[in-house]
All heavy atoms as atom14 arrays in JSON, in Angstrom:
{
  "sequence": "NNISMHLKNIFEEGELEKNSVVKKFLTTANDGKKYPVLH",
  "atom14_mask": [
    [1, 1, 1, 1, 1, 1, 1, 1, 0, 0, 0, 0, 0, 0],
    [1, 1, 1, 1, 1, 1, 1, 1, 0, 0, 0, 0, 0, 0],
    [1, 1, 1, 1, 1, 1, 1, 1, 0, 0, 0, 0, 0, 0],
    [1, 1, 1, 1, 1, 1, 0, 0, 0, 0, 0, 0, 0, 0],
    [1, 1, 1, 1, 1, 1, 1, 1, 0, 0, 0, 0, 0, 0],
    [1, 1, 1, 1, 1, 1, 1, 1, 1, 1, 0, 0, 0, 0],
    [1, 1, 1, 1, 1, 1, 1, 1, 0, 0, 0, 0, 0, 0],
    [1, 1, 1, 1, 1, 1, 1, 1, 1, 0, 0, 0, 0, 0],
    [1, 1, 1, 1, 1, 1, 1, 1, 0, 0, 0, 0, 0, 0],
    [1, 1, 1, 1, 1, 1, 1, 1, 0, 0, 0, 0, 0, 0],
    [1, 1, 1, 1, 1, 1, 1, 1, 1, 1, 1, 0, 0, 0],
    [1, 1, 1, 1, 1, 1, 1, 1, 1, 0, 0, 0, 0, 0],
    [1, 1, 1, 1, 1, 1, 1, 1, 1, 0, 0, 0, 0, 0],
    [1, 1, 1, 1, 0, 0, 0, 0, 0, 0, 0, 0, 0, 0],
    [1, 1, 1, 1, 1, 1, 1, 1, 1, 0, 0, 0, 0, 0],
    [1, 1, 1, 1, 1, 1, 1, 1, 0, 0, 0, 0, 0, 0],
    [1, 1, 1, 1, 1, 1, 1, 1, 1, 0, 0, 0, 0, 0],
    [1, 1, 1, 1, 1, 1, 1, 1, 1, 0, 0, 0, 0, 0],
    [1, 1, 1, 1, 1, 1, 1, 1, 0, 0, 0, 0, 0, 0],
    [1, 1, 1, 1, 1, 1, 0, 0, 0, 0, 0, 0, 0, 0],
    [1, 1, 1, 1, 1, 1, 1, 0, 0, 0, 0, 0, 0, 0],
    [1, 1, 1, 1, 1, 1, 1, 0, 0, 0, 0, 0, 0, 0],
    [1, 1, 1, 1, 1, 1, 1, 1, 1, 0, 0, 0, 0, 0],
    [1, 1, 1, 1, 1, 1, 1, 1, 1, 0, 0, 0, 0, 0],
    [1, 1, 1, 1, 1, 1, 1, 1, 1, 1, 1, 0, 0, 0],
    [1, 1, 1, 1, 1, 1, 1, 1, 0, 0, 0, 0, 0, 0],
    [1, 1, 1, 1, 1, 1, 1, 0, 0, 0, 0, 0, 0, 0],
    [1, 1, 1, 1, 1, 1, 1, 0, 0, 0, 0, 0, 0, 0],
    [1, 1, 1, 1, 1, 0, 0, 0, 0, 0, 0, 0, 0, 0],
    [1, 1, 1, 1, 1, 1, 1, 1, 0, 0, 0, 0, 0, 0],
    [1, 1, 1, 1, 1, 1, 1, 1, 0, 0, 0, 0, 0, 0],
    [1, 1, 1, 1, 0, 0, 0, 0, 0, 0, 0, 0, 0, 0],
    [1, 1, 1, 1, 1, 1, 1, 1, 1, 0, 0, 0, 0, 0],
    [1, 1, 1, 1, 1, 1, 1, 1, 1, 0, 0, 0, 0, 0],
    [1, 1, 1, 1, 1, 1, 1, 1, 1, 1, 1, 1, 0, 0],
    [1, 1, 1, 1, 1, 1, 1, 0, 0, 0, 0, 0, 0, 0],
    [1, 1, 1, 1, 1, 1, 1, 0, 0, 0, 0, 0, 0, 0],
    [1, 1, 1, 1, 1, 1, 1, 1, 0, 0, 0, 0, 0, 0],
    [1, 1, 1, 1, 1, 1, 1, 1, 1, 1, 0, 0, 0, 0]
  ],
  "atom14_positions": [
    [[-127.03, -124.46, -80.96], [-127.2, -123.3, -80.07], [-128.11, -123.63, -78.9], [-127.87, -123.2, -77.77], [-127.76, -122.1, -80.84], [-126.74, -121.47, -81.75], [-125.53, -121.65, -81.58], [-127.21, -120.72, -82.73], [0.0, 0.0, 0.0], [0.0, 0.0, 0.0], [0.0, 0.0, 0.0], [0.0, 0.0, 0.0], [0.0, 0.0, 0.0], [0.0, 0.0, 0.0]],
    [[-129.18, -124.38, -79.15], [-130.1, -124.76, -78.1], [-129.42, -125.7, -77.1], [-129.57, -125.53, -75.88], [-131.34, -125.43, -78.71], [-132.48, -125.54, -77.74], [-132.56, -124.82, -76.76], [-133.39, -126.45, -78.02], [0.0, 0.0, 0.0], [0.0, 0.0, 0.0], [0.0, 0.0, 0.0], [0.0, 0.0, 0.0], [0.0, 0.0, 0.0], [0.0, 0.0, 0.0]],
    [[-128.64, -126.64, -77.6], [-127.89, -127.55, -76.73], [-126.91, -126.76, -75.88], [-126.79, -126.97, -74.67], [-127.15, -128.63, -77.55], [-128.13, -129.51, -78.33], [-126.21, -129.45, -76.67], [-129.07, -130.35, -77.5], [0.0, 0.0, 0.0], [0.0, 0.0, 0.0], [0.0, 0.0, 0.0], [0.0, 0.0, 0.0], [0.0, 0.0, 0.0], [0.0, 0.0, 0.0]],
    [[-126.21, -125.83, -76.5], [-125.25, -124.98, -75.79], [-125.91, -124.19, -74.67], [-125.38, -124.1, -73.56], [-124.58, -124.03, -76.78], [-123.65, -123.22, -76.13], [0.0, 0.0, 0.0], [0.0, 0.0, 0.0], [0.0, 0.0, 0.0], [0.0, 0.0, 0.0], [0.0, 0.0, 0.0], [0.0, 0.0, 0.0], [0.0, 0.0, 0.0], [0.0, 0.0, 0.0]],
    [[-127.1, -123.65, -74.94], [-127.84, -122.89, -73.93], [-128.21, -123.79, -72.75], [-128.03, -123.41, -71.59], [-129.1, -122.29, -74.53], [-129.94, -121.51, -73.55], [-131.59, -121.13, -74.16], [-132.31, -122.75, -74.29], [0.0, 0.0, 0.0], [0.0, 0.0, 0.0], [0.0, 0.0, 0.0], [0.0, 0.0, 0.0], [0.0, 0.0, 0.0], [0.0, 0.0, 0.0]],
    [[-128.68, -124.99, -73.03], [-129.05, -125.92, -71.95], [-127.83, -126.3, -71.12], [-127.9, -126.32, -69.89], [-129.72, -127.17, -72.52], [-131.13, -126.97, -72.92], [-132.16, -126.77, -72.01], [-131.72, -126.93, -74.13], [-133.3, -126.63, -72.64], [-133.06, -126.71, -73.95], [0.0, 0.0, 0.0], [0.0, 0.0, 0.0], [0.0, 0.0, 0.0], [0.0, 0.0, 0.0]],
    [[-126.71, -126.6, -71.78], [-125.49, -126.96, -71.05], [-125.03, -125.81, -70.18], [-124.64, -126.02, -69.02], [-124.4, -127.38, -72.03], [-124.6, -128.74, -72.7], [-123.65, -128.91, -73.88], [-124.41, -129.87, -71.69], [0.0, 0.0, 0.0], [0.0, 0.0, 0.0], [0.0, 0.0, 0.0], [0.0, 0.0, 0.0], [0.0, 0.0, 0.0], [0.0, 0.0, 0.0]],
    [[-125.06, -124.6, -70.71], [-124.66, -123.41, -69.93], [-125.49, -123.31, -68.66], [-124.96, -123.09, -67.56], [-124.82, -122.16, -70.8], [-124.41, -120.88, -70.11], [-124.57, -119.69, -71.06], [-124.17, -118.44, -70.35], [-125.25, -117.5, -70.18], [0.0, 0.0, 0.0], [0.0, 0.0, 0.0], [0.0, 0.0, 0.0], [0.0, 0.0, 0.0], [0.0, 0.0, 0.0]],
    [[-126.8, -123.48, -68.79], [-127.69, -123.41, -67.62], [-127.42, -124.54, -66.63], [-127.42, -124.32, -65.42], [-129.16, -123.45, -68.06], [-129.58, -122.18, -68.76], [-128.99, -121.12, -68.57], [-130.6, -122.28, -69.59], [0.0, 0.0, 0.0], [0.0, 0.0, 0.0], [0.0, 0.0, 0.0], [0.0, 0.0, 0.0], [0.0, 0.0, 0.0], [0.0, 0.0, 0.0]],
    [[-127.18, -125.73, -67.13], [-126.88, -126.88, -66.27], [-125.64, -126.62, -65.43], [-125.62, -126.88, -64.22], [-126.71, -128.16, -67.12], [-128.08, -128.6, -67.67], [-126.04, -129.27, -66.34], [-128.0, -129.61, -68.8], [0.0, 0.0, 0.0], [0.0, 0.0, 0.0], [0.0, 0.0, 0.0], [0.0, 0.0, 0.0], [0.0, 0.0, 0.0], [0.0, 0.0, 0.0]],
    [[-124.6, -126.05, -66.04], [-123.37, -125.77, -65.31], [-123.51, -124.57, -64.38], [-123.02, -124.59, -63.25], [-122.2, -125.57, -66.28], [-121.92, -126.79, -67.13], [-121.65, -126.67, -68.48], [-121.92, -128.07, -66.58], [-121.39, -127.78, -69.27], [-121.67, -129.19, -67.35], [-121.4, -129.05, -68.7], [0.0, 0.0, 0.0], [0.0, 0.0, 0.0], [0.0, 0.0, 0.0]],
    [[-124.2, -123.53, -64.82], [-124.4, -122.34, -63.97], [-125.24, -122.65, -62.74], [-125.0, -122.1, -61.67], [-125.06, -121.21, -64.77], [-124.11, -120.5, -65.7], [-124.78, -119.38, -66.49], [-126.01, -119.19, -66.38], [-124.05, -118.69, -67.23], [0.0, 0.0, 0.0], [0.0, 0.0, 0.0], [0.0, 0.0, 0.0], [0.0, 0.0, 0.0], [0.0, 0.0, 0.0]],
    [[-126.22, -123.53, -62.89], [-127.1, -123.87, -61.76], [-126.49, -124.93, -60.85], [-127.06, -125.26, -59.82], [-128.46, -124.35, -62.29], [-129.24, -123.24, -62.99], [-130.49, -123.71, -63.7], [-130.82, -124.92, -63.6], [-131.13, -122.89, -64.37], [0.0, 0.0, 0.0], [0.0, 0.0, 0.0], [0.0, 0.0, 0.0], [0.0, 0.0, 0.0], [0.0, 0.0, 0.0]],
    [[-125.34, -125.47, -61.22], [-124.66, -126.46, -60.41], [-125.26, -127.85, -60.47], [-124.95, -128.7, -59.63], [0.0, 0.0, 0.0], [0.0, 0.0, 0.0], [0.0, 0.0, 0.0], [0.0, 0.0, 0.0], [0.0, 0.0, 0.0], [0.0, 0.0, 0.0], [0.0, 0.0, 0.0], [0.0, 0.0, 0.0], [0.0, 0.0, 0.0], [0.0, 0.0, 0.0]],
    [[-126.11, -128.1, -61.47], [-126.68, -129.43, -61.62], [-125.58, -130.46, -61.89], [-125.63, -131.58, -61.38], [-127.69, -129.43, -62.77], [-128.4, -130.75, -62.97], [-129.44, -130.71, -64.08], [-129.87, -129.62, -64.49], [-129.81, -131.79, -64.53], [0.0, 0.0, 0.0], [0.0, 0.0, 0.0], [0.0, 0.0, 0.0], [0.0, 0.0, 0.0], [0.0, 0.0, 0.0]],
    [[-124.58, -130.06, -62.68], [-123.41, -130.9, -62.95], [-122.16, -130.03, -62.89], [-122.22, -128.84, -63.16], [-123.5, -131.53, -64.34], [-124.59, -132.56, -64.59], [-124.65, -132.92, -66.07], [-124.37, -133.81, -63.76], [0.0, 0.0, 0.0], [0.0, 0.0, 0.0], [0.0, 0.0, 0.0], [0.0, 0.0, 0.0], [0.0, 0.0, 0.0], [0.0, 0.0, 0.0]],
    [[-121.04, -130.65, -62.54], [-119.76, -129.96, -62.54], [-119.13, -130.14, -63.92], [-118.93, -131.27, -64.37], [-118.85, -130.55, -61.47], [-119.41, -130.42, -60.09], [-118.52, -129.63, -59.19], [-117.44, -129.2, -59.63], [-118.91, -129.43, -58.04], [0.0, 0.0, 0.0], [0.0, 0.0, 0.0], [0.0, 0.0, 0.0], [0.0, 0.0, 0.0], [0.0, 0.0, 0.0]],
    [[-118.82, -129.04, -64.57], [-118.3, -129.07, -65.93], [-117.07, -129.96, -66.07], [-116.97, -130.76, -67.0], [-118.0, -127.64, -66.4], [-117.66, -127.53, -67.85], [-117.53, -126.08, -68.27], [-117.3, -125.97, -69.76], [-117.26, -124.57, -70.2], [0.0, 0.0, 0.0], [0.0, 0.0, 0.0], [0.0, 0.0, 0.0], [0.0, 0.0, 0.0], [0.0, 0.0, 0.0]],
    [[-116.14, -129.85, -65.13], [-114.88, -130.6, -65.26], [-115.06, -132.11, -65.11], [-114.16, -132.87, -65.46], [-113.82, -130.09, -64.28], [-114.21, -130.26, -62.83], [-115.31, -130.7, -62.52], [-113.32, -129.9, -61.95], [0.0, 0.0, 0.0], [0.0, 0.0, 0.0], [0.0, 0.0, 0.0], [0.0, 0.0, 0.0], [0.0, 0.0, 0.0], [0.0, 0.0, 0.0]],
    [[-116.22, -132.57, -64.65], [-116.43, -134.01, -64.51], [-117.2, -134.62, -65.68], [-117.27, -135.84, -65.81], [-117.15, -134.33, -63.2], [-118.46, -133.81, -63.22], [0.0, 0.0, 0.0], [0.0, 0.0, 0.0], [0.0, 0.0, 0.0], [0.0, 0.0, 0.0], [0.0, 0.0, 0.0], [0.0, 0.0, 0.0], [0.0, 0.0, 0.0], [0.0, 0.0, 0.0]],
    [[-117.77, -133.77, -66.55], [-118.58, -134.3, -67.65], [-118.18, -133.78, -69.03], [-118.86, -134.04, -70.02], [-120.1, -134.05, -67.42], [-120.59, -134.8, -66.2], [-120.4, -132.57, -67.33], [0.0, 0.0, 0.0], [0.0, 0.0, 0.0], [0.0, 0.0, 0.0], [0.0, 0.0, 0.0], [0.0, 0.0, 0.0], [0.0, 0.0, 0.0], [0.0, 0.0, 0.0]],
    [[-117.08, -133.02, -69.11], [-116.64, -132.46, -70.4], [-115.19, -132.86, -70.65], [-114.34, -132.76, -69.78], [-116.75, -130.92, -70.4], [-116.3, -130.36, -71.75], [-118.16, -130.47, -70.08], [0.0, 0.0, 0.0], [0.0, 0.0, 0.0], [0.0, 0.0, 0.0], [0.0, 0.0, 0.0], [0.0, 0.0, 0.0], [0.0, 0.0, 0.0], [0.0, 0.0, 0.0]],
    [[-114.93, -133.36, -71.89], [-113.57, -133.7, -72.31], [-113.39, -133.31, -73.76], [-114.34, -133.29, -74.53], [-113.32, -135.21, -72.21], [-113.02, -135.71, -70.85], [-112.55, -137.14, -70.91], [-112.26, -137.65, -69.52], [-111.73, -139.0, -69.52], [0.0, 0.0, 0.0], [0.0, 0.0, 0.0], [0.0, 0.0, 0.0], [0.0, 0.0, 0.0], [0.0, 0.0, 0.0]],
    [[-112.14, -133.03, -74.12], [-111.82, -132.77, -75.53], [-111.39, -134.08, -76.18], [-110.57, -134.81, -75.63], [-110.69, -131.75, -75.65], [-111.09, -130.35, -75.36], [-109.94, -129.4, -75.61], [-110.33, -127.99, -75.21], [-109.22, -127.07, -75.34], [0.0, 0.0, 0.0], [0.0, 0.0, 0.0], [0.0, 0.0, 0.0], [0.0, 0.0, 0.0], [0.0, 0.0, 0.0]],
    [[-111.97, -134.35, -77.33], [-111.56, -135.48, -78.15], [-111.09, -134.92, -79.48], [-111.66, -133.95, -79.98], [-112.73, -136.44, -78.43], [-113.16, -137.27, -77.26], [-114.06, -136.78, -76.32], [-112.66, -138.55, -77.09], [-114.46, -137.55, -75.25], [-113.06, -139.33, -76.03], [-113.96, -138.83, -75.1], [0.0, 0.0, 0.0], [0.0, 0.0, 0.0], [0.0, 0.0, 0.0]],
    [[-110.06, -135.53, -80.06], [-109.64, -135.12, -81.4], [-110.6, -135.74, -82.41], [-110.86, -136.94, -82.38], [-108.22, -135.58, -81.68], [-107.13, -134.79, -80.99], [-105.76, -135.38, -81.33], [-107.17, -133.33, -81.38], [0.0, 0.0, 0.0], [0.0, 0.0, 0.0], [0.0, 0.0, 0.0], [0.0, 0.0, 0.0], [0.0, 0.0, 0.0], [0.0, 0.0, 0.0]],
    [[-111.12, -134.92, -83.3], [-112.06, -135.36, -84.33], [-111.46, -135.05, -85.69], [-110.96, -133.95, -85.91], [-113.42, -134.64, -84.17], [-113.92, -134.93, -82.87], [-114.41, -135.09, -85.2], [0.0, 0.0, 0.0], [0.0, 0.0, 0.0], [0.0, 0.0, 0.0], [0.0, 0.0, 0.0], [0.0, 0.0, 0.0], [0.0, 0.0, 0.0], [0.0, 0.0, 0.0]],
    [[-111.51, -136.02, -86.59], [-111.0, -135.81, -87.94], [-112.09, -135.19, -88.8], [-113.18, -135.71, -88.93], [-110.55, -137.14, -88.57], [-109.59, -137.75, -87.7], [-109.92, -136.91, -89.93], [0.0, 0.0, 0.0], [0.0, 0.0, 0.0], [0.0, 0.0, 0.0], [0.0, 0.0, 0.0], [0.0, 0.0, 0.0], [0.0, 0.0, 0.0], [0.0, 0.0, 0.0]],
    [[-111.77, -134.04, -89.38], [-112.72, -133.31, -90.23], [-112.62, -133.8, -91.67], [-111.75, -134.6, -92.01], [-112.43, -131.81, -90.15], [0.0, 0.0, 0.0], [0.0, 0.0, 0.0], [0.0, 0.0, 0.0], [0.0, 0.0, 0.0], [0.0, 0.0, 0.0], [0.0, 0.0, 0.0], [0.0, 0.0, 0.0], [0.0, 0.0, 0.0], [0.0, 0.0, 0.0]],
    [[-113.49, -133.28, -92.51], [-113.5, -133.66, -93.93], [-112.19, -133.34, -94.63], [-111.83, -133.98, -95.61], [-114.65, -132.97, -94.66], [-115.99, -133.51, -94.22], [-116.08, -134.62, -93.72], [-117.04, -132.73, -94.41], [0.0, 0.0, 0.0], [0.0, 0.0, 0.0], [0.0, 0.0, 0.0], [0.0, 0.0, 0.0], [0.0, 0.0, 0.0], [0.0, 0.0, 0.0]],
    [[-111.47, -132.34, -94.12], [-110.19, -131.97, -94.73], [-109.04, -132.87, -94.29], [-107.9, -132.69, -94.69], [-109.86, -130.51, -94.45], [-109.67, -130.2, -92.97], [-109.69, -131.14, -92.14], [-109.53, -129.02, -92.63], [0.0, 0.0, 0.0], [0.0, 0.0, 0.0], [0.0, 0.0, 0.0], [0.0, 0.0, 0.0], [0.0, 0.0, 0.0], [0.0, 0.0, 0.0]],
    [[-109.35, -133.88, -93.44], [-108.34, -134.82, -92.98], [-107.56, -134.36, -91.76], [-106.79, -135.12, -91.19], [0.0, 0.0, 0.0], [0.0, 0.0, 0.0], [0.0, 0.0, 0.0], [0.0, 0.0, 0.0], [0.0, 0.0, 0.0], [0.0, 0.0, 0.0], [0.0, 0.0, 0.0], [0.0, 0.0, 0.0], [0.0, 0.0, 0.0], [0.0, 0.0, 0.0]],
    [[-107.76, -133.11, -91.34], [-107.08, -132.59, -90.16], [-107.85, -132.99, -88.91], [-109.06, -133.18, -88.94], [-106.97, -131.07, -90.23], [-106.08, -130.59, -91.35], [-106.01, -129.08, -91.37], [-105.18, -128.58, -92.52], [-105.17, -127.12, -92.6], [0.0, 0.0, 0.0], [0.0, 0.0, 0.0], [0.0, 0.0, 0.0], [0.0, 0.0, 0.0], [0.0, 0.0, 0.0]],
    [[-107.11, -133.07, -87.8], [-107.73, -133.4, -86.52], [-107.91, -132.13, -85.71], [-107.0, -131.31, -85.6], [-106.88, -134.4, -85.75], [-106.83, -135.74, -86.45], [-106.1, -136.77, -85.64], [-106.06, -138.04, -86.45], [-106.14, -139.22, -85.69], [0.0, 0.0, 0.0], [0.0, 0.0, 0.0], [0.0, 0.0, 0.0], [0.0, 0.0, 0.0], [0.0, 0.0, 0.0]],
    [[-109.11, -131.98, -85.15], [-109.45, -130.8, -84.37], [-109.98, -131.23, -83.01], [-110.71, -132.22, -82.91], [-110.53, -129.98, -85.08], [-110.09, -129.43, -86.41], [-110.35, -130.12, -87.59], [-109.42, -128.22, -86.49], [-109.95, -129.62, -88.82], [-109.01, -127.72, -87.72], [-109.28, -128.42, -88.87], [-108.88, -127.92, -90.09], [0.0, 0.0, 0.0], [0.0, 0.0, 0.0]],
    [[-109.65, -130.47, -81.94], [-110.22, -130.79, -80.63], [-111.68, -130.35, -80.58], [-112.02, -129.22, -80.95], [-109.36, -129.98, -79.65], [-108.78, -128.87, -80.46], [-108.7, -129.36, -81.88], [0.0, 0.0, 0.0], [0.0, 0.0, 0.0], [0.0, 0.0, 0.0], [0.0, 0.0, 0.0], [0.0, 0.0, 0.0], [0.0, 0.0, 0.0], [0.0, 0.0, 0.0]],
    [[-112.55, -131.26, -80.16], [-113.98, -130.97, -80.05], [-114.43, -131.39, -78.66], [-114.11, -132.5, -78.21], [-114.79, -131.75, -81.12], [-116.28, -131.54, -80.93], [-114.35, -131.33, -82.52], [0.0, 0.0, 0.0], [0.0, 0.0, 0.0], [0.0, 0.0, 0.0], [0.0, 0.0, 0.0], [0.0, 0.0, 0.0], [0.0, 0.0, 0.0], [0.0, 0.0, 0.0]],
    [[-115.17, -130.51, -77.99], [-115.69, -130.85, -76.67], [-116.75, -131.94, -76.79], [-117.63, -131.87, -77.65], [-116.3, -129.63, -75.98], [-115.33, -128.51, -75.59], [-116.09, -127.35, -74.96], [-114.26, -129.03, -74.64], [0.0, 0.0, 0.0], [0.0, 0.0, 0.0], [0.0, 0.0, 0.0], [0.0, 0.0, 0.0], [0.0, 0.0, 0.0], [0.0, 0.0, 0.0]],
    [[-116.66, -132.93, -75.9], [-117.64, -134.0, -75.82], [-118.18, -134.03, -74.38], [-117.46, -133.69, -73.45], [-117.03, -135.35, -76.19], [-116.88, -135.54, -77.65], [-115.99, -134.82, -78.41], [-117.52, -136.36, -78.51], [-116.08, -135.21, -79.67], [-117.01, -136.14, -79.76], [0.0, 0.0, 0.0], [0.0, 0.0, 0.0], [0.0, 0.0, 0.0], [0.0, 0.0, 0.0]]
  ]
}
C-alpha cells in the first residue's frame, strides 16, 4: 500500500510518465496459473 501511494504521487506530480515505466508481465502463481502483474 505504501509503495502504491508513492507511485501514485510520482505519476500525478509528473515526475515520471506511467506509460514509460510500467509493463505487465505474466507471473506464475502457486496454483500454477499465470496472471498479469504490473512491474
